[in-house]
Amino acid sequence: VNWSPTVQSALAESELEYNDKHTSTAIYVRFRLKNDALLSSLLPQLNTENIYALIWTTTPWSLIGNQAVAVNEKLKYLFIKFPSTNDIYIVAESLLNNIKKYPPFTNDQFEIIGNCLGSQLSGVNSHPPIYHDDKTYPIVTSDHVTDELGTGLVHIAPAHGSD
């Protein structure tokens, strides 16, 4: 529902004026994954302390309301390790070239150490990127996650709208 804070009333779509010159800022955010048996089963040969789900969002203000990370169950995801930090990031294979435009991916100083389907990530838990407590949120599968833009991982903040 579109809302006018000035008159404290709902607005019809025809009452809205859009700024055609407005551009939204997108950011990449990493969600540290919980080190547990499910995550360890995906990468049994590694210490799973520094594994991150890398999400891309055009609504960074909604990160405080995050409740989950979504993946597409049919997409193939890569585990990418940076030897300099031992950090491992999960991204959709089909979007790897898109993120190579942004640091730290620009220098190609990483190695692909594994892969899995999105369905295999379902149930892995992530820590919120803003709060540093023991609370975790699940990785879930959703058909609305595509490999058209971003990383193939989407943060879910239901209080800030659908999708």
Foldseek 3Di string as FASTA:
>chain_A
DDADPVVGDHDDPVPDDDDPPDDFDKDKFWWQWDDDDLVCVQVVPDDRRAETEIWMDSCVVLLVQFAEKEAAQAFKWWWKAQVVVRHTYIFTPLCLVVCCVDPPNVVVRIDTDGMDGRNSQFATWTDRRPDPDPDTHTYYYDPVQDNPDTGRMHTDRVVVDDD
